[in-house]
Each structure stands twice: as C-alpha cells, then as structure tokens.
Amino acid sequence: MKKLGLIVNPIAGMGGKVGLKGTDGPEIVEKARLLGARPEAGEKAARALQVLSVLKDELKLISCPGAMGEETARQCSFKPILIEGISEPSSAADTEKAVRLMSDQGVDLILFAGGDGTARNIYNALGDCATLPVIGIPAGVKIHSAVYATTPRNAGELARLFLQEDNLPLRKAEVMDIDEDAFRAGRLSARLYGYLPVPCAGELMQNLKIGGVGSEASVLDAIAEQVIENLEPDVVYIIGPGSTTGPIMEKLGLENTLLGVDVVLNGKLLDADANEQQILGHIKGRKAKIIVTVIGGQGYIFGRGNQQISAAVISQVGKENIIVVATRDKILSLDHGHLLVDTGDEEVNRSLCGYIKIVTGYKEELIYPISS
C-alpha cells in the first residue's frame, strides 16, 4: 500500500488579496487577518485531494493535526494517520519536522500546499541529496519555484499518476524564494536555494519564473504607447504588477507600484498598491478594465503575485475587458504554447479559457489561447 504525506501551510496566500505580497512573519499574518484575509490553502489542498479520492481505500495518508492537513483530509473523506509533536498554530519549524517524520515513516510522496516559503521549508528538511519526491499545491502569493503544479487540481492529478504508475520519471526542480521585505518595498530579490525531485507528466508542473531583460526597453515603451493610445475616458483601469506594465504608469506620469496593483481613472491615480476590497470599491457601478502581463517562463496572467485582482474582481470586469501585455519573445518562449490562469475559482478559470489578444508592441498583437 502506497503512503502519501500531506502538509498544508494554513496561512499560505493570506496576504495576496489584501495586498501584503506574502505572509512571512507573525506580524504580517496578523495584519492580513485585520485586513479581512481568510485562510485559503486548505481549500486548495482539498481540490487536489478530491482527485485522489479514487485511491482512498488503497492509500495510507499521513498528515499533521488540525489545519496543517487533518481538517482537509477528513473533509475529503480520508482517514489520516497523524504524526505527533506538531503545535498549533504551526510554524516553519513544524513543517520541517513533519517532513522529516514523514520521510522516516517511508512515505512515497509528499504533497504540500503553500508558497515559496513552504517549498524552502521542505527543502531545508530534505536537503540537496533528497530522493523523496514532492509535489507543491500552489497556495501562496509568490510562487517562483518549479516544484509546484500548475493548479491545485493538477497537483492531485500528478500525485494520482505517480502513485498509480511505477515508471513516472523524476526531475530536479528549483526551489526559489524572495526577500519579502524588499518585495514590499518594490524591489525583487530572488535566490535559488536548491533542488527537489518532482514527478514529470506532461504540462502538470509549472516552470521556473524568469524575469525580463534590459534590451526589451524599447519594446516595452511601444507596448505602453499602444495601451495609452487606447485608454477610454471614465473607465477605471486596474493595472497589475510587473516590469511590462510599469512603463504604462510612467508614460501617464503616475507613481508605479512595481510589485502591486494600481487603480487609474481619467489619467489620475485612484489607489496605489490596492488590495482586493479597495479595487472592488473603485469598480462598483463603473466600467472597468484590467491590464496584466504574463509571468515569464510560466505563462500565468492571474493567480501568481496578483491575487488582489481576484476572481470577484475578474467576474465583475469581464473577460472582454482584460488587456494582456507582453513582449513577443516572452510569449513565444513559453514551452506549453498557452497562457495559464489560477484564480482560485474554477468557474472563473473556465470563463477565461479560450483565446485572447496580447499587445506585443505598437499596433502589434498576438492571439493566444488561455487554459486553466
């Protein structure tokens, strides 16, 4: 009988919609709660486990007490075997301890829900010589690491394939993380911490996030020119994070939140670094448009670093009012040939699927598919 280890970081992703860009540190978690954030990692882990429900009678599920896995497992009708010595509320040290105990108990795979900080904890426990396969369920704000599946459901599907088949290959995937304090100050400082083995199967795993290069400056300027030329009066523009959208704000003469979401109306800044509720307040009863870019190497337009533009915001704005901007090189370098969305709401994800225009320069566009 195969053994599966399940770990949920219950605070992962709580800072996203409220604009905090992560939840590293107890003071940030408390601030997120005060701003109305609620835990979402358990819900995302449940989507993965629902796919694995077909194996529940032939699988030993080993997990942590309470919100670190037990609650999600029981919600999905599993009867988890609980490891001991884990405290609540849990800490990074508890995650690392849980990983070591699961390894000692001979699990075949660790399935974990979190973000880059959680991936670092897994790596810290297993080390560079790790042979135990892992699969990340994307639940954090910043997910640069390549140890994560493209969606929670795909994490479950990949785990099912790995547990049912004996010949699924493994590859070493990068564990990346950034300095959250620098991130909140508008500086992106990423570091490679190491590698962990992950199963390979089609396009179920995401790629490592890569950044843009300086030589693209003229192309970005042309993209900004095209977008500004088509701005409409009395329309609220929700401008997502990234170096591709930054030149749009610069050309408008407005302060740009490189790693946050800005809201603009008639050439004036309504809100800088806005969270979900602020955005919803600005677009209530008004026509609105969303301007977002593509994460290089991964292809996401929603669900990675811009959770403030939530499923609720997207539903109110509508797919027809989404403007995607990216350089042609960034799009054509995507291995899988389509854009990705992971809003946390499967109905909204489905509504976004199909084709969309991408502004790639001045009077230049590509038509590209979106999948979830």
Protein backbone atom coordinates (compact mmCIF):
# COMPACT_ATOMS: atom_id res chain seq x y z
CA MET A 1 0.00 0.00 0.00
CA LYS A 2 1.40 3.38 -1.03
CA LYS A 3 1.93 6.12 1.57
CA LEU A 4 1.20 9.78 0.88
CA GLY A 5 2.34 12.61 3.13
CA LEU A 6 0.09 15.70 3.20
CA ILE A 7 1.19 19.06 4.62
CA VAL A 8 -0.87 22.27 4.47
CA ASN A 9 0.58 25.66 5.36
CA PRO A 10 -2.67 27.17 6.71
CA ILE A 11 -1.54 30.79 6.35
CA ALA A 12 -0.15 30.48 2.80
CA GLY A 13 -1.66 33.00 0.40
CA MET A 14 -3.47 35.04 3.05
CA GLY A 15 -1.54 38.19 2.15
CA GLY A 16 -2.41 38.11 -1.54
CA LYS A 17 -5.86 39.64 -1.88
CA VAL A 18 -5.17 42.21 0.82
CA GLY A 19 -2.03 43.38 -0.98
CA LEU A 20 0.62 42.24 1.52
CA LYS A 21 2.54 40.14 -1.04
CA GLY A 22 3.16 37.25 1.34
CA THR A 23 2.75 36.03 4.91
CA ASP A 24 6.32 35.58 6.16
CA GLY A 25 6.34 36.53 9.84
CA PRO A 26 3.62 36.55 12.53
CA GLU A 27 3.14 40.34 12.37
CA ILE A 28 2.30 40.14 8.64
CA VAL A 29 -0.14 37.28 9.28
CA GLU A 30 -1.88 39.33 11.95
CA LYS A 31 -2.03 42.36 9.66
CA ALA A 32 -3.55 40.19 6.93
CA ARG A 33 -6.25 39.00 9.34
CA LEU A 34 -7.02 42.55 10.43
CA LEU A 35 -7.47 43.47 6.76
CA GLY A 36 -10.04 40.70 6.38
CA ALA A 37 -7.87 37.95 4.87
CA ARG A 38 -9.00 34.38 5.40
CA PRO A 39 -7.14 31.08 5.03
CA GLU A 40 -7.40 29.54 1.55
CA ALA A 41 -4.65 26.90 1.47
CA GLY A 42 -6.93 24.22 2.93
CA GLU A 43 -9.49 24.78 0.17
CA LYS A 44 -6.80 24.46 -2.49
CA ALA A 45 -5.41 21.32 -0.89
CA ALA A 46 -8.94 19.88 -0.90
CA ARG A 47 -9.14 20.31 -4.68
CA ALA A 48 -6.02 18.19 -5.03
CA LEU A 49 -7.26 15.54 -2.60
CA GLN A 50 -10.62 15.28 -4.38
CA VAL A 51 -8.76 13.97 -7.43
CA LEU A 52 -7.07 11.38 -5.19
CA SER A 53 -10.36 10.21 -3.65
CA VAL A 54 -10.39 7.27 -6.11
CA LEU A 55 -7.36 5.90 -4.23
CA LYS A 56 -8.51 6.46 -0.67
CA ASP A 57 -9.10 2.75 0.03
CA GLU A 58 -5.66 1.77 -1.25
CA LEU A 59 -3.65 4.65 0.16
CA LYS A 60 -2.24 5.46 3.59
CA LEU A 61 -2.49 9.21 4.12
CA ILE A 62 -0.09 10.53 6.72
CA SER A 63 -0.69 14.13 7.76
CA CYS A 64 -0.42 16.75 10.50
CA PRO A 65 -3.04 17.65 13.11
CA GLY A 66 -5.67 20.32 12.57
CA ALA A 67 -5.30 22.94 9.86
CA MET A 68 -1.92 21.53 8.76
CA GLY A 69 -3.64 18.69 6.92
CA GLU A 70 -6.03 16.71 9.11
CA GLU A 71 -9.02 19.00 8.54
CA THR A 72 -8.60 18.93 4.77
CA ALA A 73 -8.09 15.17 4.70
CA ARG A 74 -11.23 14.46 6.73
CA GLN A 75 -13.21 16.93 4.63
CA CYS A 76 -12.30 14.79 1.61
CA SER A 77 -13.34 11.56 3.42
CA PHE A 78 -9.80 10.33 4.11
CA LYS A 79 -8.84 8.87 7.49
CA PRO A 80 -5.39 10.33 8.04
CA ILE A 81 -2.70 8.86 10.26
CA LEU A 82 -1.47 11.84 12.29
CA ILE A 83 2.13 12.50 13.18
CA GLU A 84 2.88 13.71 16.69
CA GLY A 85 4.69 16.70 18.09
CA ILE A 86 3.24 19.40 15.81
CA SER A 87 1.98 22.55 17.51
CA GLU A 88 -0.94 24.83 16.61
CA PRO A 89 -0.66 27.47 15.34
CA SER A 90 2.08 25.83 13.31
CA SER A 91 5.44 27.27 12.35
CA ALA A 92 8.12 26.75 9.71
CA ALA A 93 9.91 24.51 12.21
CA ASP A 94 6.77 22.34 12.45
CA THR A 95 6.68 21.96 8.66
CA GLU A 96 10.32 20.88 8.61
CA LYS A 97 9.74 18.47 11.49
CA ALA A 98 6.71 16.99 9.73
CA VAL A 99 8.71 16.41 6.55
CA ARG A 100 11.46 14.58 8.44
CA LEU A 101 8.95 12.39 10.30
CA MET A 102 7.11 11.55 7.08
CA SER A 103 10.41 10.63 5.45
CA ASP A 104 11.25 8.38 8.42
CA GLN A 105 7.86 6.68 8.01
CA GLY A 106 8.64 5.83 4.42
CA VAL A 107 6.11 7.93 2.51
CA ASP A 108 6.29 7.55 -1.26
CA LEU A 109 5.42 11.18 -1.96
CA ILE A 110 4.89 14.44 -0.06
CA LEU A 111 2.03 16.63 -1.31
CA PHE A 112 2.17 20.09 0.24
CA ALA A 113 0.11 23.27 -0.06
CA GLY A 114 1.89 26.60 0.28
CA GLY A 115 4.13 29.10 -1.45
CA ASP A 116 7.85 29.60 -1.93
CA GLY A 117 8.46 29.85 1.83
CA THR A 118 6.84 26.43 2.31
CA ALA A 119 8.94 24.97 -0.51
CA ARG A 120 12.02 26.28 1.29
CA ASN A 121 10.91 24.53 4.48
CA ILE A 122 10.52 21.25 2.57
CA TYR A 123 13.97 21.72 1.04
CA ASN A 124 15.54 22.58 4.42
CA ALA A 125 14.24 19.29 5.83
CA LEU A 126 15.23 17.07 2.90
CA GLY A 127 18.41 18.79 1.69
CA ASP A 128 20.23 18.77 -1.63
CA CYS A 129 20.55 14.98 -1.75
CA ALA A 130 16.81 14.44 -1.41
CA THR A 131 15.35 11.41 -3.17
CA LEU A 132 11.82 11.68 -1.76
CA PRO A 133 9.53 13.13 -4.48
CA VAL A 134 7.38 16.15 -3.67
CA ILE A 135 4.54 17.98 -5.40
CA GLY A 136 3.51 21.51 -4.42
CA ILE A 137 -0.12 22.60 -4.45
CA PRO A 138 0.04 26.31 -5.40
CA ALA A 139 -1.48 28.25 -2.50
CA GLY A 140 0.95 31.09 -1.82
CA VAL A 141 1.25 34.65 -3.07
CA LYS A 142 4.69 34.37 -4.63
CA ILE A 143 5.31 31.09 -6.42
CA HIS A 144 8.60 31.36 -8.28
CA SER A 145 9.67 27.77 -7.54
CA ALA A 146 9.33 24.99 -10.10
CA VAL A 147 8.19 22.40 -7.53
CA TYR A 148 4.55 23.43 -7.91
CA ALA A 149 1.84 22.01 -10.15
CA THR A 150 0.08 24.45 -12.46
CA THR A 151 -3.17 24.27 -10.44
CA PRO A 152 -4.35 22.52 -7.25
CA ARG A 153 -6.38 20.02 -9.29
CA ASN A 154 -3.35 19.24 -11.46
CA ALA A 155 -1.32 18.66 -8.30
CA GLY A 156 -3.83 15.96 -7.37
CA GLU A 157 -3.78 14.51 -10.88
CA LEU A 158 0.02 14.34 -10.91
CA ALA A 159 0.03 12.72 -7.46
CA ARG A 160 -2.53 10.15 -8.67
CA LEU A 161 -0.43 9.31 -11.72
CA PHE A 162 2.73 8.98 -9.64
CA LEU A 163 1.10 6.76 -7.02
CA GLN A 164 -0.60 4.52 -9.60
CA GLU A 165 2.31 4.16 -12.03
CA ASP A 166 5.74 2.80 -11.18
CA ASN A 167 7.67 4.33 -14.05
CA LEU A 168 6.84 8.03 -13.85
CA PRO A 169 10.17 9.87 -14.26
CA LEU A 170 11.53 12.41 -11.77
CA ARG A 171 13.40 15.65 -12.40
CA LYS A 172 15.20 18.12 -10.14
CA ALA A 173 13.09 21.29 -9.77
CA GLU A 174 14.30 24.65 -8.49
CA VAL A 175 13.34 25.97 -5.05
CA MET A 176 13.31 29.77 -5.22
CA ASP A 177 12.27 32.43 -2.74
CA ILE A 178 12.44 36.19 -2.47
CA ASP A 179 13.06 38.70 0.30
CA GLU A 180 9.51 39.75 1.29
CA ASP A 181 10.65 42.97 2.98
CA ALA A 182 12.41 44.03 -0.22
CA PHE A 183 9.38 42.84 -2.21
CA ARG A 184 7.03 45.10 -0.22
CA ALA A 185 9.45 47.98 -0.81
CA GLY A 186 9.20 47.41 -4.57
CA ARG A 187 12.47 45.52 -5.07
CA LEU A 188 12.60 41.99 -6.42
CA SER A 189 15.44 39.97 -4.92
CA ALA A 190 15.15 36.26 -5.76
CA ARG A 191 17.52 33.48 -4.76
CA LEU A 192 17.93 29.84 -5.75
CA TYR A 193 18.04 27.74 -2.58
CA GLY A 194 18.33 24.26 -4.07
CA TYR A 195 16.53 21.48 -5.91
CA LEU A 196 13.89 18.90 -5.03
CA PRO A 197 12.76 15.85 -7.04
CA VAL A 198 9.32 16.16 -8.65
CA PRO A 199 7.41 13.75 -10.91
CA CYS A 200 7.18 14.62 -14.61
CA ALA A 201 3.95 14.24 -16.59
CA GLY A 202 3.04 16.49 -19.49
CA GLU A 203 2.25 20.06 -18.54
CA LEU A 204 1.00 19.45 -15.00
CA MET A 205 4.04 21.14 -13.38
CA GLN A 206 4.81 24.84 -13.77
CA ASN A 207 8.16 26.19 -14.93
CA LEU A 208 10.59 28.35 -13.02
CA LYS A 209 9.66 32.02 -13.15
CA ILE A 210 12.11 34.12 -15.18
CA GLY A 211 12.44 37.90 -15.39
CA GLY A 212 12.71 40.30 -18.30
CA VAL A 213 15.92 41.75 -19.72
CA GLY A 214 17.05 45.32 -20.24
CA SER A 215 17.19 45.03 -24.06
CA GLU A 216 13.40 44.89 -24.09
CA ALA A 217 13.10 48.55 -23.04
CA SER A 218 12.14 49.84 -26.49
CA VAL A 219 9.53 47.11 -26.93
CA LEU A 220 8.03 47.86 -23.53
CA ASP A 221 7.88 51.53 -24.46
CA ALA A 222 5.99 50.64 -27.66
CA ILE A 223 3.55 48.46 -25.71
CA ALA A 224 2.90 51.31 -23.28
CA GLU A 225 2.30 53.73 -26.18
CA GLN A 226 -0.27 51.40 -27.73
CA VAL A 227 -2.13 50.91 -24.43
CA ILE A 228 -2.23 54.62 -23.60
CA GLU A 229 -3.46 55.50 -27.08
CA ASN A 230 -6.50 53.28 -26.47
CA LEU A 231 -7.37 54.35 -22.92
CA GLU A 232 -11.04 55.33 -22.64
CA PRO A 233 -12.49 58.20 -20.58
CA ASP A 234 -14.45 57.39 -17.41
CA VAL A 235 -13.17 53.80 -17.36
CA VAL A 236 -11.39 52.51 -14.26
CA TYR A 237 -8.13 50.78 -15.17
CA ILE A 238 -6.75 48.14 -12.82
CA ILE A 239 -3.05 47.87 -13.64
CA GLY A 240 -1.31 44.74 -12.45
CA PRO A 241 2.28 44.34 -11.25
CA GLY A 242 5.35 43.78 -13.38
CA SER A 243 8.06 45.45 -15.42
CA THR A 244 5.87 45.28 -18.54
CA THR A 245 3.04 47.34 -17.04
CA GLY A 246 5.41 49.77 -15.30
CA PRO A 247 6.13 51.86 -18.44
CA ILE A 248 2.38 52.46 -18.84
CA MET A 249 2.28 54.19 -15.47
CA GLU A 250 5.49 56.07 -16.23
CA LYS A 251 4.10 57.42 -19.51
CA LEU A 252 0.99 58.56 -17.65
CA GLY A 253 3.24 60.43 -15.24
CA LEU A 254 1.97 58.39 -12.30
CA GLU A 255 3.83 56.67 -9.49
CA ASN A 256 4.10 52.96 -10.24
CA THR A 257 3.85 50.13 -7.72
CA LEU A 258 6.13 47.66 -9.48
CA LEU A 259 5.01 44.68 -7.41
CA GLY A 260 1.47 45.79 -6.58
CA VAL A 261 -1.79 46.78 -8.27
CA ASP A 262 -2.60 50.40 -9.12
CA VAL A 263 -6.02 51.85 -10.00
CA VAL A 264 -6.30 54.70 -12.51
CA LEU A 265 -9.23 56.79 -13.77
CA ASN A 266 -9.01 59.58 -16.37
CA GLY A 267 -5.24 59.78 -16.04
CA LYS A 268 -5.32 60.12 -12.25
CA LEU A 269 -4.19 57.60 -9.65
CA LEU A 270 -7.16 56.49 -7.54
CA ASP A 271 -5.20 54.00 -5.47
CA ALA A 272 -1.61 52.76 -5.31
CA ASP A 273 -0.84 49.20 -4.22
CA ALA A 274 -4.56 48.47 -3.86
CA ASN A 275 -5.95 45.33 -2.26
CA GLU A 276 -8.98 43.32 -3.40
CA GLN A 277 -11.56 45.22 -1.39
CA GLN A 278 -10.23 48.61 -2.49
CA ILE A 279 -10.37 47.51 -6.12
CA LEU A 280 -13.93 46.24 -5.74
CA GLY A 281 -14.90 49.57 -4.20
CA HIS A 282 -13.45 51.53 -7.11
CA ILE A 283 -15.17 49.48 -9.83
CA LYS A 284 -18.59 49.22 -8.22
CA GLY A 285 -21.14 50.63 -10.67
CA ARG A 286 -18.43 51.65 -13.15
CA LYS A 287 -16.99 50.22 -16.33
CA ALA A 288 -13.54 48.84 -15.64
CA LYS A 289 -10.67 47.19 -17.46
CA ILE A 290 -7.77 45.09 -16.23
CA ILE A 291 -4.24 45.42 -17.63
CA VAL A 292 -1.98 42.47 -16.79
CA THR A 293 1.19 40.93 -18.09
CA VAL A 294 2.45 37.37 -18.42
CA ILE A 295 4.87 35.76 -15.96
CA GLY A 296 7.94 34.85 -17.98
CA GLY A 297 8.73 31.15 -18.15
CA GLN A 298 5.38 30.18 -16.60
CA GLY A 299 2.68 31.91 -18.63
CA TYR A 300 0.33 32.90 -15.80
CA ILE A 301 -1.76 36.05 -16.16
CA PHE A 302 -3.78 35.57 -12.94
CA GLY A 303 -3.03 33.79 -9.68
CA ARG A 304 0.71 34.39 -9.31
CA GLY A 305 1.65 37.58 -7.45
CA ASN A 306 -1.52 39.49 -8.43
CA GLN A 307 -4.16 37.84 -6.23
CA GLN A 308 -5.54 41.30 -5.46
CA ILE A 309 -7.13 41.02 -8.90
CA SER A 310 -9.29 38.24 -7.53
CA ALA A 311 -11.97 36.05 -9.05
CA ALA A 312 -14.56 38.52 -7.73
CA VAL A 313 -12.81 41.42 -9.48
CA ILE A 314 -12.42 39.48 -12.73
CA SER A 315 -16.08 38.41 -12.69
CA GLN A 316 -17.22 42.00 -12.31
CA VAL A 317 -14.90 43.30 -15.05
CA GLY A 318 -15.45 40.50 -17.57
CA LYS A 319 -13.02 38.72 -19.90
CA GLU A 320 -13.80 41.15 -22.74
CA ASN A 321 -12.29 43.96 -20.64
CA ILE A 322 -8.97 42.25 -19.90
CA ILE A 323 -5.92 43.66 -21.68
CA VAL A 324 -2.85 41.40 -21.71
CA VAL A 325 0.54 42.98 -22.47
CA ALA A 326 3.79 41.11 -23.07
CA THR A 327 6.76 41.10 -25.39
CA ARG A 328 6.57 38.72 -28.33
CA ASP A 329 9.74 36.96 -27.14
CA LYS A 330 8.22 36.27 -23.72
CA ILE A 331 5.15 34.69 -25.30
CA LEU A 332 6.97 32.65 -27.93
CA SER A 333 9.40 31.30 -25.33
CA LEU A 334 6.60 29.59 -23.36
CA ASP A 335 7.11 25.84 -23.62
CA HIS A 336 3.44 24.89 -23.41
CA GLY A 337 2.01 27.25 -26.04
CA HIS A 338 -0.76 28.80 -23.94
CA LEU A 339 -1.40 31.22 -21.09
CA LEU A 340 -2.46 29.99 -17.67
CA VAL A 341 -4.93 31.18 -15.01
CA ASP A 342 -5.32 30.02 -11.42
CA THR A 343 -7.78 32.43 -9.76
CA GLY A 344 -8.86 30.01 -7.05
CA ASP A 345 -12.36 29.82 -8.57
CA GLU A 346 -12.77 27.05 -11.14
CA GLU A 347 -15.84 28.62 -12.72
CA VAL A 348 -13.94 31.87 -13.29
CA ASN A 349 -10.96 29.90 -14.61
CA ARG A 350 -13.23 28.19 -17.16
CA SER A 351 -14.78 31.51 -18.19
CA LEU A 352 -11.31 32.84 -19.03
CA CYS A 353 -10.36 29.89 -21.23
CA GLY A 354 -10.31 30.35 -24.98
CA TYR A 355 -8.39 32.95 -26.97
CA ILE A 356 -7.30 36.46 -26.04
CA LYS A 357 -5.40 39.29 -27.71
CA ILE A 358 -1.96 40.17 -26.36
CA VAL A 359 -0.49 43.61 -27.02
CA THR A 360 3.13 42.92 -28.05
CA GLY A 361 4.12 46.32 -29.47
CA TYR A 362 2.78 49.45 -31.12
CA LYS A 363 -0.10 48.26 -33.33
CA GLU A 364 1.15 44.70 -32.86
CA GLU A 365 -0.89 41.86 -31.35
CA LEU A 366 -0.84 38.12 -30.94
CA ILE A 367 -3.89 35.90 -30.47
CA TYR A 368 -3.10 33.28 -27.86
CA PRO A 369 -5.04 30.55 -26.02
CA ILE A 370 -5.72 30.51 -22.27
CA SER A 371 -6.18 27.33 -20.27
CA SER A 372 -6.60 26.57 -16.58
